[in-house]
């Protein structure tokens, strides 16, 4: 799949160094994979949740959350937000 944008990942792990390895693993898995649907994606990412038009991934043992919009028909993932679990719980990302 094509991931837009890797820069969002690197910017986040510069602020939260312990997120680097889990984000690299997430990126590597998705980069070499193809998914036809959300159910197909859940076979790899069992904790992924669908919230309206977005997919929420647990990163680093649920310490971080990555919110993305996925266009399965184009094989494209748009990283919308990466945040700590505490920031996620504030739900500001839902309005952005």
N, C-alpha and C. Protein backbone atom coordinates (compact mmCIF):
# COMPACT_ATOMS: atom_id res chain seq x y z
N UNK A 1 0.84 -1.17 0.00
CA UNK A 1 0.00 0.00 0.00
C UNK A 1 0.89 1.24 0.00
N UNK A 2 0.36 2.30 -0.50
CA UNK A 2 1.08 3.57 -0.52
C UNK A 2 0.66 4.38 0.72
N UNK A 3 1.65 4.82 1.49
CA UNK A 3 1.37 5.52 2.74
C UNK A 3 1.75 6.99 2.60
N UNK A 4 0.79 7.85 2.87
CA UNK A 4 0.99 9.30 2.80
C UNK A 4 0.66 9.84 4.18
N UNK A 5 1.50 10.32 4.95
CA UNK A 5 2.87 10.66 4.66
C UNK A 5 3.78 10.07 5.73
N UNK A 6 4.92 9.60 5.29
CA UNK A 6 5.90 9.06 6.23
C UNK A 6 6.44 10.16 7.14
N UNK A 7 6.46 11.38 6.65
CA UNK A 7 6.96 12.51 7.43
C UNK A 7 6.17 12.67 8.74
N UNK A 8 4.89 12.42 8.69
CA UNK A 8 4.08 12.48 9.92
C UNK A 8 4.61 11.49 10.95
N UNK A 9 5.02 10.32 10.49
CA UNK A 9 5.57 9.31 11.40
C UNK A 9 6.88 9.78 11.99
N UNK A 10 7.78 10.25 11.14
CA UNK A 10 9.10 10.67 11.64
C UNK A 10 8.98 11.88 12.56
N UNK A 11 8.09 12.81 12.24
CA UNK A 11 7.88 13.96 13.12
C UNK A 11 7.40 13.51 14.50
N UNK A 12 6.51 12.52 14.51
CA UNK A 12 5.98 12.05 15.79
C UNK A 12 7.04 11.34 16.60
N UNK A 13 7.81 10.45 15.97
CA UNK A 13 8.79 9.70 16.75
C UNK A 13 9.96 10.55 17.18
N UNK A 14 10.16 11.70 16.58
CA UNK A 14 11.17 12.63 17.09
C UNK A 14 10.73 13.20 18.44
N UNK A 15 9.43 13.40 18.61
CA UNK A 15 8.88 13.90 19.88
C UNK A 15 8.70 12.77 20.90
N UNK A 16 8.45 11.57 20.41
CA UNK A 16 8.19 10.40 21.26
C UNK A 16 9.08 9.26 20.78
N UNK A 17 10.37 9.27 21.17
CA UNK A 17 11.33 8.30 20.64
C UNK A 17 10.94 6.83 20.82
N UNK A 18 10.20 6.51 21.86
CA UNK A 18 9.82 5.10 22.05
C UNK A 18 8.75 4.64 21.05
N UNK A 19 8.20 5.56 20.27
CA UNK A 19 7.22 5.18 19.25
C UNK A 19 7.89 4.82 17.92
N UNK A 20 9.19 5.09 17.80
CA UNK A 20 9.85 4.88 16.51
C UNK A 20 9.75 3.43 16.03
N UNK A 21 10.14 2.50 16.85
CA UNK A 21 10.15 1.10 16.39
C UNK A 21 8.75 0.61 16.06
N UNK A 22 7.74 0.82 16.91
CA UNK A 22 6.40 0.36 16.53
C UNK A 22 5.87 1.03 15.27
N UNK A 23 6.18 2.31 15.07
CA UNK A 23 5.73 2.99 13.85
C UNK A 23 6.47 2.46 12.63
N UNK A 24 7.74 2.15 12.78
CA UNK A 24 8.49 1.56 11.65
C UNK A 24 7.92 0.19 11.28
N UNK A 25 7.57 -0.60 12.27
CA UNK A 25 6.98 -1.91 12.02
C UNK A 25 5.64 -1.75 11.30
N UNK A 26 4.79 -0.85 11.80
CA UNK A 26 3.49 -0.57 11.16
C UNK A 26 3.70 -0.18 9.70
N UNK A 27 4.62 0.73 9.46
CA UNK A 27 4.91 1.21 8.11
C UNK A 27 5.38 0.07 7.21
N UNK A 28 6.30 -0.72 7.71
CA UNK A 28 6.88 -1.80 6.91
C UNK A 28 5.82 -2.83 6.53
N UNK A 29 4.97 -3.18 7.46
CA UNK A 29 3.91 -4.16 7.18
C UNK A 29 2.98 -3.63 6.10
N UNK A 30 2.53 -2.39 6.26
CA UNK A 30 1.58 -1.84 5.30
C UNK A 30 2.21 -1.60 3.93
N UNK A 31 3.46 -1.21 3.92
CA UNK A 31 4.12 -0.91 2.65
C UNK A 31 4.18 -2.12 1.73
N UNK A 32 4.33 -3.30 2.30
CA UNK A 32 4.47 -4.51 1.48
C UNK A 32 3.16 -5.30 1.37
N UNK A 33 2.08 -4.78 1.92
CA UNK A 33 0.80 -5.50 1.93
C UNK A 33 -0.22 -4.85 1.01
N UNK A 34 -1.23 -5.63 0.70
CA UNK A 34 -2.37 -5.14 -0.06
C UNK A 34 -3.63 -5.62 0.66
N UNK A 35 -4.56 -4.73 0.83
CA UNK A 35 -5.81 -5.08 1.51
C UNK A 35 -6.98 -4.65 0.63
N UNK A 36 -7.94 -5.52 0.50
CA UNK A 36 -9.11 -5.22 -0.32
C UNK A 36 -10.23 -4.55 0.48
N UNK A 37 -10.19 -4.71 1.81
CA UNK A 37 -11.27 -4.18 2.64
C UNK A 37 -10.78 -4.03 4.08
N UNK A 38 -11.61 -3.40 4.90
CA UNK A 38 -11.29 -3.26 6.31
C UNK A 38 -11.19 -4.64 6.97
N UNK A 39 -12.09 -5.54 6.62
CA UNK A 39 -12.04 -6.90 7.20
C UNK A 39 -10.74 -7.60 6.83
N UNK A 40 -10.27 -7.38 5.64
CA UNK A 40 -9.00 -7.94 5.20
C UNK A 40 -7.85 -7.35 6.04
N UNK A 41 -7.88 -6.06 6.27
CA UNK A 41 -6.88 -5.37 7.09
C UNK A 41 -6.87 -5.92 8.52
N UNK A 42 -8.05 -6.21 9.05
CA UNK A 42 -8.16 -6.71 10.43
C UNK A 42 -7.51 -8.08 10.63
N UNK A 43 -7.28 -8.80 9.56
CA UNK A 43 -6.58 -10.08 9.69
C UNK A 43 -5.14 -9.85 10.14
N UNK A 44 -4.57 -8.71 9.76
CA UNK A 44 -3.21 -8.36 10.15
C UNK A 44 -3.21 -7.50 11.41
N UNK A 45 -4.08 -6.50 11.44
CA UNK A 45 -4.15 -5.55 12.56
C UNK A 45 -5.46 -5.81 13.31
N UNK A 46 -5.43 -6.79 14.20
CA UNK A 46 -6.65 -7.23 14.89
C UNK A 46 -7.28 -6.18 15.78
N UNK A 47 -6.49 -5.23 16.26
CA UNK A 47 -7.04 -4.21 17.15
C UNK A 47 -7.47 -2.95 16.42
N UNK A 48 -7.33 -2.92 15.10
CA UNK A 48 -7.76 -1.74 14.34
C UNK A 48 -9.26 -1.57 14.48
N UNK A 49 -9.69 -0.33 14.60
CA UNK A 49 -11.12 -0.01 14.72
C UNK A 49 -11.50 0.97 13.62
N UNK A 50 -12.73 0.84 13.18
CA UNK A 50 -13.26 1.77 12.19
C UNK A 50 -14.13 2.79 12.93
N UNK A 51 -13.81 4.07 12.75
CA UNK A 51 -14.59 5.15 13.35
C UNK A 51 -15.01 6.06 12.20
N UNK A 52 -16.26 5.92 11.80
CA UNK A 52 -16.80 6.61 10.62
C UNK A 52 -15.94 6.27 9.41
N UNK A 53 -15.31 7.27 8.79
CA UNK A 53 -14.52 7.01 7.58
C UNK A 53 -13.04 6.81 7.88
N UNK A 54 -12.68 6.69 9.16
CA UNK A 54 -11.28 6.56 9.55
C UNK A 54 -11.00 5.19 10.17
N UNK A 55 -9.73 4.81 10.13
CA UNK A 55 -9.29 3.58 10.80
C UNK A 55 -8.30 3.98 11.88
N UNK A 56 -8.51 3.46 13.08
CA UNK A 56 -7.66 3.77 14.23
C UNK A 56 -6.81 2.54 14.55
N UNK A 57 -5.49 2.75 14.57
CA UNK A 57 -4.55 1.69 14.89
C UNK A 57 -3.97 1.92 16.28
N UNK A 58 -3.83 0.87 17.06
CA UNK A 58 -3.10 0.92 18.32
C UNK A 58 -1.63 0.72 18.00
N UNK A 59 -0.80 1.60 18.51
CA UNK A 59 0.63 1.55 18.23
C UNK A 59 1.38 1.45 19.56
N UNK A 60 2.38 0.62 19.60
CA UNK A 60 3.22 0.53 20.80
C UNK A 60 2.48 0.01 22.01
N UNK A 61 1.74 -1.07 21.83
CA UNK A 61 1.03 -1.64 22.97
C UNK A 61 -0.07 -0.75 23.49
N UNK A 62 -0.74 -0.03 22.58
CA UNK A 62 -1.86 0.85 22.92
C UNK A 62 -1.40 2.14 23.59
N UNK A 63 -0.13 2.44 23.56
CA UNK A 63 0.38 3.69 24.13
C UNK A 63 0.09 4.87 23.19
N UNK A 64 0.05 4.58 21.90
CA UNK A 64 -0.18 5.61 20.88
C UNK A 64 -1.30 5.16 19.96
N UNK A 65 -1.89 6.14 19.29
CA UNK A 65 -2.95 5.87 18.32
C UNK A 65 -2.60 6.56 17.01
N UNK A 66 -2.82 5.86 15.93
CA UNK A 66 -2.64 6.41 14.60
C UNK A 66 -3.99 6.35 13.90
N UNK A 67 -4.42 7.50 13.41
CA UNK A 67 -5.70 7.60 12.72
C UNK A 67 -5.41 7.82 11.24
N UNK A 68 -6.03 7.01 10.40
CA UNK A 68 -5.78 7.09 8.96
C UNK A 68 -7.08 6.96 8.18
N UNK A 69 -7.04 7.50 6.98
CA UNK A 69 -8.11 7.28 6.02
C UNK A 69 -7.53 6.34 4.98
N UNK A 70 -8.23 5.25 4.72
CA UNK A 70 -7.72 4.25 3.79
C UNK A 70 -8.66 4.14 2.59
N UNK A 71 -8.08 4.25 1.41
CA UNK A 71 -8.81 4.03 0.17
C UNK A 71 -8.35 2.67 -0.36
N UNK A 72 -9.09 1.64 0.00
CA UNK A 72 -8.71 0.28 -0.36
C UNK A 72 -8.67 0.10 -1.88
N UNK A 73 -9.57 0.77 -2.60
CA UNK A 73 -9.62 0.61 -4.05
C UNK A 73 -8.38 1.18 -4.74
N UNK A 74 -7.72 2.16 -4.12
CA UNK A 74 -6.50 2.74 -4.68
C UNK A 74 -5.24 2.23 -3.98
N UNK A 75 -5.40 1.52 -2.89
CA UNK A 75 -4.25 1.02 -2.14
C UNK A 75 -3.48 2.15 -1.47
N UNK A 76 -4.21 3.14 -0.96
CA UNK A 76 -3.58 4.32 -0.38
C UNK A 76 -4.05 4.54 1.05
N UNK A 77 -3.09 4.88 1.92
CA UNK A 77 -3.38 5.20 3.32
C UNK A 77 -2.92 6.63 3.59
N UNK A 78 -3.82 7.44 4.08
CA UNK A 78 -3.50 8.82 4.45
C UNK A 78 -3.43 8.91 5.97
N UNK A 79 -2.24 9.16 6.49
CA UNK A 79 -2.09 9.33 7.94
C UNK A 79 -2.66 10.69 8.31
N UNK A 80 -3.70 10.69 9.12
CA UNK A 80 -4.37 11.93 9.51
C UNK A 80 -3.86 12.45 10.85
N UNK A 81 -3.66 11.55 11.81
CA UNK A 81 -3.23 11.94 13.15
C UNK A 81 -2.43 10.81 13.78
N UNK A 82 -1.42 11.19 14.54
CA UNK A 82 -0.72 10.26 15.43
C UNK A 82 -0.68 10.96 16.77
N UNK A 83 -1.07 10.25 17.81
CA UNK A 83 -1.17 10.91 19.11
C UNK A 83 -0.99 9.91 20.24
N UNK A 84 -0.78 10.46 21.41
CA UNK A 84 -0.74 9.61 22.59
C UNK A 84 -2.15 9.13 22.88
N UNK A 85 -2.25 8.09 23.69
CA UNK A 85 -3.57 7.59 24.06
C UNK A 85 -4.36 8.67 24.79
N UNK A 86 -3.69 9.45 25.61
CA UNK A 86 -4.36 10.53 26.34
C UNK A 86 -4.93 11.58 25.37
N UNK A 87 -4.15 11.96 24.36
CA UNK A 87 -4.64 12.91 23.36
C UNK A 87 -5.82 12.32 22.58
N UNK A 88 -5.73 11.05 22.27
CA UNK A 88 -6.81 10.37 21.57
C UNK A 88 -8.11 10.42 22.36
N UNK A 89 -8.01 10.18 23.66
CA UNK A 89 -9.19 10.18 24.53
C UNK A 89 -9.90 11.53 24.58
N UNK A 90 -9.18 12.60 24.28
CA UNK A 90 -9.80 13.93 24.27
C UNK A 90 -10.71 14.11 23.05
N UNK A 91 -10.57 13.26 22.06
CA UNK A 91 -11.42 13.18 20.88
C UNK A 91 -11.39 14.42 19.99
N UNK A 92 -10.40 15.26 20.10
CA UNK A 92 -10.31 16.44 19.21
C UNK A 92 -10.06 16.02 17.76
N UNK A 93 -9.45 14.86 17.57
CA UNK A 93 -9.14 14.37 16.24
C UNK A 93 -10.40 14.12 15.41
N UNK A 94 -11.52 13.87 16.06
CA UNK A 94 -12.76 13.59 15.34
C UNK A 94 -13.27 14.80 14.58
N UNK A 95 -12.91 16.00 15.04
CA UNK A 95 -13.36 17.23 14.41
C UNK A 95 -12.41 17.78 13.38
N UNK A 96 -11.22 17.19 13.29
CA UNK A 96 -10.21 17.72 12.37
C UNK A 96 -10.23 17.00 11.05
